[in-house]
Amino acid sequence: HNIWEAENLDRQFDKVYAISQEVRDTFENVYPECKSKTELFNNIINREEIIKLAKQGEGFTDNYSGVRILTLGRLTSQKNFAVSIEAMKLLKNKGIEARWYILGEGKERKQLEGLIKKYQLENCFFLPGAVSNPFPYLEMADIYVHATSYEGISIAVREAQILGKAMVVSDCNGNRELVRDGIDGFVCSFTPEAIAEGVFKLIENKELRATFGQEASKRYVQHMDEIEKYVLILQEG
């Protein structure tokens, strides 16, 4: 049977944990009878381990000295990275010199490679594939972009914030809770024009990149109450 039917939810689950407030609100709107059982529980991220891993491995080895833009994610239709490629085309048309990398692998590789070739971006937009340790690359990047059509709570965004990266994110569920527009990044509509505009502002303003990065790094130090909640869940389970 379908355990997601409302009458089963109320009986089969003692607690329901949502990874973001928007997810929680949506769930409770659909299943109001479960409201008393629903709590918010953010993903636990090991800040110290990320900082440690960022110092290990090579990272970029292409000896490029300009601005690097980085995105982490699977090459899938959900991510819709064609929009990012189109944004890079707009930046190139403006005469902007930068390199954009997407670390990840997936079924959309051939389509994305075709688009890169179509727009003649072979020298500025790269798909290096998946790597076992993305953090040295993230450490070396100047700007992090997380522009997808929809999202839950992106661990990659939080990891980029821990490493103090200025960023541009699309205005969708999850991202709105992670990034404060104009304070630690830009939250923009999911269009090539809006993404390109946000990236352009950060490329042109090194001081703004530094300010956003400093604010981002303050946000997600792991709180002990989250860890204690996790321990209690394990003990009760």
C-alpha atoms as a PDB file:
ATOM      1  CA  HIS A   1       0.000   0.000   0.000  1.00  0.00           C
ATOM      2  CA  ASN A   2       0.993   3.649  -0.179  1.00  0.00           C
ATOM      3  CA  ILE A   3       2.372   4.733   3.210  1.00  0.00           C
ATOM      4  CA  TRP A   4       2.113   8.378   2.118  1.00  0.00           C
ATOM      5  CA  GLU A   5      -1.664   8.325   2.301  1.00  0.00           C
ATOM      6  CA  ALA A   6      -2.751  10.587   5.144  1.00  0.00           C
ATOM      7  CA  GLU A   7      -4.537   7.909   7.130  1.00  0.00           C
ATOM      8  CA  ASN A   8      -1.376   5.785   7.151  1.00  0.00           C
ATOM      9  CA  LEU A   9       0.990   8.636   7.960  1.00  0.00           C
ATOM     10  CA  ASP A  10      -0.774   9.422  11.197  1.00  0.00           C
ATOM     11  CA  ARG A  11      -0.510   5.818  12.373  1.00  0.00           C
ATOM     12  CA  GLN A  12       2.857   4.657  11.058  1.00  0.00           C
ATOM     13  CA  PHE A  13       5.201   7.487  12.051  1.00  0.00           C
ATOM     14  CA  ASP A  14       6.019   8.786  15.524  1.00  0.00           C
ATOM     15  CA  LYS A  15       7.931  11.787  14.162  1.00  0.00           C
ATOM     16  CA  VAL A  16       8.410  13.435  10.782  1.00  0.00           C
ATOM     17  CA  TYR A  17      11.552  15.556  10.350  1.00  0.00           C
ATOM     18  CA  ALA A  18      11.752  18.201   7.638  1.00  0.00           C
ATOM     19  CA  ILE A  19      15.119  19.465   6.372  1.00  0.00           C
ATOM     20  CA  SER A  20      13.871  23.019   5.817  1.00  0.00           C
ATOM     21  CA  GLN A  21      11.107  25.288   7.050  1.00  0.00           C
ATOM     22  CA  GLU A  22       9.565  25.502   3.583  1.00  0.00           C
ATOM     23  CA  VAL A  23       9.464  21.704   3.358  1.00  0.00           C
ATOM     24  CA  ARG A  24       7.876  21.573   6.804  1.00  0.00           C
ATOM     25  CA  ASP A  25       5.232  24.169   5.926  1.00  0.00           C
ATOM     26  CA  THR A  26       4.356  22.390   2.684  1.00  0.00           C
ATOM     27  CA  PHE A  27       4.123  19.008   4.396  1.00  0.00           C
ATOM     28  CA  GLU A  28       1.911  20.350   7.166  1.00  0.00           C
ATOM     29  CA  ASN A  29      -0.393  22.018   4.646  1.00  0.00           C
ATOM     30  CA  VAL A  30      -0.895  18.684   2.894  1.00  0.00           C
ATOM     31  CA  TYR A  31      -1.055  16.598   6.111  1.00  0.00           C
ATOM     32  CA  PRO A  32      -2.361  18.920   8.853  1.00  0.00           C
ATOM     33  CA  GLU A  33      -3.174  15.891  11.037  1.00  0.00           C
ATOM     34  CA  CYS A  34       0.585  15.281  11.353  1.00  0.00           C
ATOM     35  CA  LYS A  35       1.450  18.817  12.459  1.00  0.00           C
ATOM     36  CA  SER A  36       2.037  17.832  16.095  1.00  0.00           C
ATOM     37  CA  LYS A  37       4.523  15.174  14.957  1.00  0.00           C
ATOM     38  CA  THR A  38       6.540  17.346  12.568  1.00  0.00           C
ATOM     39  CA  GLU A  39       9.803  19.033  13.519  1.00  0.00           C
ATOM     40  CA  LEU A  40      12.596  20.880  11.735  1.00  0.00           C
ATOM     41  CA  PHE A  41      15.946  19.099  11.560  1.00  0.00           C
ATOM     42  CA  ASN A  42      18.753  20.627   9.514  1.00  0.00           C
ATOM     43  CA  ASN A  43      21.420  18.477   7.894  1.00  0.00           C
ATOM     44  CA  ILE A  44      24.428  18.038  10.160  1.00  0.00           C
ATOM     45  CA  ILE A  45      27.629  19.152   8.457  1.00  0.00           C
ATOM     46  CA  ASN A  46      31.108  18.670   9.898  1.00  0.00           C
ATOM     47  CA  ARG A  47      32.611  22.140   9.496  1.00  0.00           C
ATOM     48  CA  GLU A  48      36.063  21.177  10.771  1.00  0.00           C
ATOM     49  CA  GLU A  49      36.257  18.190   8.412  1.00  0.00           C
ATOM     50  CA  ILE A  50      35.349  20.334   5.386  1.00  0.00           C
ATOM     51  CA  ILE A  51      38.033  22.875   6.246  1.00  0.00           C
ATOM     52  CA  LYS A  52      40.532  20.034   6.699  1.00  0.00           C
ATOM     53  CA  LEU A  53      39.635  18.380   3.378  1.00  0.00           C
ATOM     54  CA  ALA A  54      39.902  21.720   1.575  1.00  0.00           C
ATOM     55  CA  LYS A  55      43.642  21.693   2.360  1.00  0.00           C
ATOM     56  CA  GLN A  56      44.114  18.204   0.895  1.00  0.00           C
ATOM     57  CA  GLY A  57      44.486  17.333  -2.774  1.00  0.00           C
ATOM     58  CA  GLU A  58      45.406  19.441  -5.783  1.00  0.00           C
ATOM     59  CA  GLY A  59      42.266  21.236  -6.829  1.00  0.00           C
ATOM     60  CA  PHE A  60      42.556  23.099 -10.134  1.00  0.00           C
ATOM     61  CA  THR A  61      45.741  22.393 -12.078  1.00  0.00           C
ATOM     62  CA  ASP A  62      45.193  24.524 -15.201  1.00  0.00           C
ATOM     63  CA  ASN A  63      47.355  27.439 -13.976  1.00  0.00           C
ATOM     64  CA  TYR A  64      44.549  29.904 -14.626  1.00  0.00           C
ATOM     65  CA  SER A  65      44.944  33.215 -12.800  1.00  0.00           C
ATOM     66  CA  GLY A  66      41.559  34.779 -13.528  1.00  0.00           C
ATOM     67  CA  VAL A  67      38.198  34.516 -11.768  1.00  0.00           C
ATOM     68  CA  ARG A  68      36.953  30.956 -11.241  1.00  0.00           C
ATOM     69  CA  ILE A  69      33.254  30.182 -10.947  1.00  0.00           C
ATOM     70  CA  LEU A  70      32.317  26.796  -9.490  1.00  0.00           C
ATOM     71  CA  THR A  71      29.154  24.720  -9.317  1.00  0.00           C
ATOM     72  CA  LEU A  72      28.789  21.306  -7.659  1.00  0.00           C
ATOM     73  CA  GLY A  73      26.053  18.972  -8.819  1.00  0.00           C
ATOM     74  CA  ARG A  74      24.959  15.997 -10.850  1.00  0.00           C
ATOM     75  CA  LEU A  75      24.496  16.589 -14.575  1.00  0.00           C
ATOM     76  CA  THR A  76      20.772  15.843 -14.545  1.00  0.00           C
ATOM     77  CA  SER A  77      17.623  17.447 -15.909  1.00  0.00           C
ATOM     78  CA  GLN A  78      16.638  18.545 -12.379  1.00  0.00           C
ATOM     79  CA  LYS A  79      19.691  20.764 -12.154  1.00  0.00           C
ATOM     80  CA  ASN A  80      19.092  22.217 -15.638  1.00  0.00           C
ATOM     81  CA  PHE A  81      22.672  23.411 -16.037  1.00  0.00           C
ATOM     82  CA  ALA A  82      21.888  24.573 -19.573  1.00  0.00           C
ATOM     83  CA  VAL A  83      20.752  27.818 -17.939  1.00  0.00           C
ATOM     84  CA  SER A  84      24.219  28.295 -16.425  1.00  0.00           C
ATOM     85  CA  ILE A  85      25.863  27.675 -19.795  1.00  0.00           C
ATOM     86  CA  GLU A  86      23.591  30.285 -21.347  1.00  0.00           C
ATOM     87  CA  ALA A  87      24.521  32.683 -18.533  1.00  0.00           C
ATOM     88  CA  MET A  88      28.204  32.156 -19.347  1.00  0.00           C
ATOM     89  CA  LYS A  89      27.463  32.937 -22.984  1.00  0.00           C
ATOM     90  CA  LEU A  90      25.969  36.283 -21.912  1.00  0.00           C
ATOM     91  CA  LEU A  91      29.022  37.034 -19.777  1.00  0.00           C
ATOM     92  CA  LYS A  92      31.344  36.214 -22.667  1.00  0.00           C
ATOM     93  CA  ASN A  93      29.329  38.496 -24.940  1.00  0.00           C
ATOM     94  CA  LYS A  94      29.995  41.274 -22.422  1.00  0.00           C
ATOM     95  CA  GLY A  95      33.702  40.665 -22.754  1.00  0.00           C
ATOM     96  CA  ILE A  96      34.026  39.052 -19.323  1.00  0.00           C
ATOM     97  CA  GLU A  97      36.994  36.740 -18.908  1.00  0.00           C
ATOM     98  CA  ALA A  98      36.355  33.965 -16.374  1.00  0.00           C
ATOM     99  CA  ARG A  99      36.209  30.197 -16.165  1.00  0.00           C
ATOM    100  CA  TRP A 100      33.148  28.293 -14.993  1.00  0.00           C
ATOM    101  CA  TYR A 101      33.432  24.669 -13.838  1.00  0.00           C
ATOM    102  CA  ILE A 102      30.736  22.156 -12.914  1.00  0.00           C
ATOM    103  CA  LEU A 103      32.025  19.250 -10.835  1.00  0.00           C
ATOM    104  CA  GLY A 104      29.709  16.294 -11.263  1.00  0.00           C
ATOM    105  CA  GLU A 105      28.613  13.557 -13.601  1.00  0.00           C
ATOM    106  CA  GLY A 106      25.307  12.486 -15.071  1.00  0.00           C
ATOM    107  CA  LYS A 107      23.080  11.625 -18.019  1.00  0.00           C
ATOM    108  CA  GLU A 108      22.987  15.180 -19.368  1.00  0.00           C
ATOM    109  CA  ARG A 109      26.726  15.359 -20.130  1.00  0.00           C
ATOM    110  CA  LYS A 110      26.422  14.971 -23.908  1.00  0.00           C
ATOM    111  CA  GLN A 111      23.645  17.548 -24.166  1.00  0.00           C
ATOM    112  CA  LEU A 112      25.598  20.033 -22.066  1.00  0.00           C
ATOM    113  CA  GLU A 113      28.796  19.444 -24.011  1.00  0.00           C
ATOM    114  CA  GLY A 114      26.843  20.082 -27.208  1.00  0.00           C
ATOM    115  CA  LEU A 115      25.565  23.375 -25.834  1.00  0.00           C
ATOM    116  CA  ILE A 116      29.068  24.424 -24.758  1.00  0.00           C
ATOM    117  CA  LYS A 117      30.285  23.747 -28.287  1.00  0.00           C
ATOM    118  CA  LYS A 118      27.307  25.512 -29.862  1.00  0.00           C
ATOM    119  CA  TYR A 119      28.047  28.699 -27.911  1.00  0.00           C
ATOM    120  CA  GLN A 120      31.814  28.355 -28.446  1.00  0.00           C
ATOM    121  CA  LEU A 121      32.529  28.248 -24.712  1.00  0.00           C
ATOM    122  CA  GLU A 122      35.128  25.474 -24.809  1.00  0.00           C
ATOM    123  CA  ASN A 123      37.747  27.804 -23.307  1.00  0.00           C
ATOM    124  CA  CYS A 124      35.620  29.103 -20.454  1.00  0.00           C
ATOM    125  CA  PHE A 125      33.033  26.470 -19.435  1.00  0.00           C
ATOM    126  CA  PHE A 126      34.255  23.071 -18.257  1.00  0.00           C
ATOM    127  CA  LEU A 127      32.759  19.748 -17.109  1.00  0.00           C
ATOM    128  CA  PRO A 128      35.682  17.990 -15.368  1.00  0.00           C
ATOM    129  CA  GLY A 129      33.443  15.224 -14.009  1.00  0.00           C
ATOM    130  CA  ALA A 130      32.960  13.943 -10.473  1.00  0.00           C
ATOM    131  CA  VAL A 131      35.831  14.100  -7.979  1.00  0.00           C
ATOM    132  CA  SER A 132      36.254  12.295  -4.667  1.00  0.00           C
ATOM    133  CA  ASN A 133      37.190  15.481  -2.822  1.00  0.00           C
ATOM    134  CA  PRO A 134      35.621  18.666  -4.240  1.00  0.00           C
ATOM    135  CA  PHE A 135      36.734  20.891  -1.369  1.00  0.00           C
ATOM    136  CA  PRO A 136      40.166  21.957  -2.713  1.00  0.00           C
ATOM    137  CA  TYR A 137      38.363  23.137  -5.849  1.00  0.00           C
ATOM    138  CA  LEU A 138      35.807  24.963  -3.733  1.00  0.00           C
ATOM    139  CA  GLU A 139      38.578  26.560  -1.702  1.00  0.00           C
ATOM    140  CA  MET A 140      40.237  27.870  -4.888  1.00  0.00           C
ATOM    141  CA  ALA A 141      37.023  29.191  -6.451  1.00  0.00           C
ATOM    142  CA  ASP A 142      36.181  32.889  -6.356  1.00  0.00           C
ATOM    143  CA  ILE A 143      32.415  32.542  -6.817  1.00  0.00           C
ATOM    144  CA  TYR A 144      30.039  29.675  -6.124  1.00  0.00           C
ATOM    145  CA  VAL A 145      26.872  29.411  -8.224  1.00  0.00           C
ATOM    146  CA  HIS A 146      23.969  27.145  -7.300  1.00  0.00           C
ATOM    147  CA  ALA A 147      21.296  27.822  -9.903  1.00  0.00           C
ATOM    148  CA  THR A 148      18.784  24.989 -10.200  1.00  0.00           C
ATOM    149  CA  SER A 149      15.101  24.792 -11.020  1.00  0.00           C
ATOM    150  CA  TYR A 150      14.241  23.416  -7.579  1.00  0.00           C
ATOM    151  CA  GLU A 151      16.094  22.374  -4.431  1.00  0.00           C
ATOM    152  CA  GLY A 152      15.597  21.092  -0.923  1.00  0.00           C
ATOM    153  CA  ILE A 153      18.339  22.300   1.389  1.00  0.00           C
ATOM    154  CA  SER A 154      21.562  22.195  -0.579  1.00  0.00           C
ATOM    155  CA  ILE A 155      24.471  20.717   1.321  1.00  0.00           C
ATOM    156  CA  ALA A 156      26.775  22.107  -1.376  1.00  0.00           C
ATOM    157  CA  VAL A 157      25.638  25.668  -0.623  1.00  0.00           C
ATOM    158  CA  ARG A 158      26.297  25.188   3.073  1.00  0.00           C
ATOM    159  CA  GLU A 159      29.727  23.729   2.333  1.00  0.00           C
ATOM    160  CA  ALA A 160      30.544  26.733   0.138  1.00  0.00           C
ATOM    161  CA  GLN A 161      29.446  29.052   2.936  1.00  0.00           C
ATOM    162  CA  ILE A 162      31.683  27.258   5.426  1.00  0.00           C
ATOM    163  CA  LEU A 163      34.623  27.951   3.083  1.00  0.00           C
ATOM    164  CA  GLY A 164      33.630  31.608   2.803  1.00  0.00           C
ATOM    165  CA  LYS A 165      32.462  31.752  -0.806  1.00  0.00           C
ATOM    166  CA  ALA A 166      30.428  34.579  -2.275  1.00  0.00           C
ATOM    167  CA  MET A 167      27.611  33.070  -4.260  1.00  0.00           C
ATOM    168  CA  VAL A 168      24.728  33.408  -6.655  1.00  0.00           C
ATOM    169  CA  VAL A 169      21.748  31.083  -6.120  1.00  0.00           C
ATOM    170  CA  SER A 170      18.412  30.700  -7.847  1.00  0.00           C
ATOM    171  CA  ASP A 171      15.268  31.782  -6.048  1.00  0.00           C
ATOM    172  CA  CYS A 172      13.701  28.438  -5.160  1.00  0.00           C
ATOM    173  CA  ASN A 173      12.770  26.356  -2.109  1.00  0.00           C
ATOM    174  CA  GLY A 174      15.756  25.785   0.151  1.00  0.00           C
ATOM    175  CA  ASN A 175      18.021  28.408  -1.377  1.00  0.00           C
ATOM    176  CA  ARG A 176      15.879  31.185   0.073  1.00  0.00           C
ATOM    177  CA  GLU A 177      16.555  29.842   3.565  1.00  0.00           C
ATOM    178  CA  LEU A 178      20.305  29.520   3.056  1.00  0.00           C
ATOM    179  CA  VAL A 179      21.340  32.762   1.355  1.00  0.00           C
ATOM    180  CA  ARG A 180      20.418  36.307   2.386  1.00  0.00           C
ATOM    181  CA  ASP A 181      20.111  38.367  -0.761  1.00  0.00           C
ATOM    182  CA  GLY A 182      22.600  41.238  -0.785  1.00  0.00           C
ATOM    183  CA  ILE A 183      24.239  40.135   2.480  1.00  0.00           C
ATOM    184  CA  ASP A 184      26.100  36.889   1.775  1.00  0.00           C
ATOM    185  CA  GLY A 185      25.111  36.349  -1.844  1.00  0.00           C
ATOM    186  CA  PHE A 186      22.607  37.123  -4.573  1.00  0.00           C
ATOM    187  CA  VAL A 187      19.278  35.303  -4.822  1.00  0.00           C
ATOM    188  CA  CYS A 188      18.026  35.673  -8.384  1.00  0.00           C
ATOM    189  CA  SER A 189      15.365  34.336 -10.701  1.00  0.00           C
ATOM    190  CA  PHE A 190      16.211  31.182 -12.603  1.00  0.00           C
ATOM    191  CA  THR A 191      17.030  32.787 -15.934  1.00  0.00           C
ATOM    192  CA  PRO A 192      20.336  33.154 -17.807  1.00  0.00           C
ATOM    193  CA  GLU A 193      20.004  36.940 -17.650  1.00  0.00           C
ATOM    194  CA  ALA A 194      19.506  37.122 -13.869  1.00  0.00           C
ATOM    195  CA  ILE A 195      22.247  34.607 -13.119  1.00  0.00           C
ATOM    196  CA  ALA A 196      24.673  36.380 -15.447  1.00  0.00           C
ATOM    197  CA  GLU A 197      23.886  39.711 -13.802  1.00  0.00           C
ATOM    198  CA  GLY A 198      24.614  38.372 -10.317  1.00  0.00           C
ATOM    199  CA  VAL A 199      27.850  36.729 -11.412  1.00  0.00           C
ATOM    200  CA  PHE A 200      28.871  39.873 -13.302  1.00  0.00           C
ATOM    201  CA  LYS A 201      28.473  42.004 -10.170  1.00  0.00           C
ATOM    202  CA  LEU A 202      30.707  39.661  -8.194  1.00  0.00           C
ATOM    203  CA  ILE A 203      33.333  39.421 -10.922  1.00  0.00           C
ATOM    204  CA  GLU A 204      33.525  43.191 -11.198  1.00  0.00           C
ATOM    205  CA  ASN A 205      33.613  43.857  -7.447  1.00  0.00           C
ATOM    206  CA  LYS A 206      36.336  41.987  -5.571  1.00  0.00           C
ATOM    207  CA  GLU A 207      35.506  43.807  -2.327  1.00  0.00           C
ATOM    208  CA  LEU A 208      31.887  42.681  -2.526  1.00  0.00           C
ATOM    209  CA  ARG A 209      33.029  39.092  -3.046  1.00  0.00           C
ATOM    210  CA  ALA A 210      35.132  39.357   0.093  1.00  0.00           C
ATOM    211  CA  THR A 211      32.286  40.875   2.120  1.00  0.00           C
ATOM    212  CA  PHE A 212      29.784  38.226   1.006  1.00  0.00           C
ATOM    213  CA  GLY A 213      32.325  35.503   1.735  1.00  0.00           C
ATOM    214  CA  GLN A 214      32.970  36.789   5.240  1.00  0.00           C
ATOM    215  CA  GLU A 215      29.257  36.906   5.998  1.00  0.00           C
ATOM    216  CA  ALA A 216      28.719  33.434   4.534  1.00  0.00           C
ATOM    217  CA  SER A 217      31.433  31.878   6.692  1.00  0.00           C
ATOM    218  CA  LYS A 218      29.675  33.087   9.866  1.00  0.00           C
ATOM    219  CA  ARG A 219      26.378  31.366   9.116  1.00  0.00           C
ATOM    220  CA  TYR A 220      26.669  27.633   9.534  1.00  0.00           C
ATOM    221  CA  VAL A 221      28.881  26.750  12.427  1.00  0.00           C
ATOM    222  CA  GLN A 222      27.333  23.532  13.693  1.00  0.00           C
ATOM    223  CA  HIS A 223      25.269  24.128  16.826  1.00  0.00           C
ATOM    224  CA  MET A 224      25.440  21.629  19.665  1.00  0.00           C
ATOM    225  CA  ASP A 225      21.652  21.575  20.004  1.00  0.00           C
ATOM    226  CA  GLU A 226      21.372  20.050  16.503  1.00  0.00           C
ATOM    227  CA  ILE A 227      23.887  17.345  17.423  1.00  0.00           C
ATOM    228  CA  GLU A 228      22.103  16.673  20.709  1.00  0.00           C
ATOM    229  CA  LYS A 229      18.792  16.345  18.827  1.00  0.00           C
ATOM    230  CA  TYR A 230      20.377  13.802  16.495  1.00  0.00           C
ATOM    231  CA  VAL A 231      21.694  11.770  19.456  1.00  0.00           C
ATOM    232  CA  LEU A 232      18.228  11.769  21.049  1.00  0.00           C
ATOM    233  CA  ILE A 233      16.664  10.514  17.809  1.00  0.00           C
ATOM    234  CA  LEU A 234      19.138   7.615  17.705  1.00  0.00           C
ATOM    235  CA  GLN A 235      18.488   6.774  21.358  1.00  0.00           C
ATOM    236  CA  GLU A 236      14.720   6.818  20.884  1.00  0.00           C
ATOM    237  CA  GLY A 237      14.902   4.849  17.615  1.00  0.00           C
END
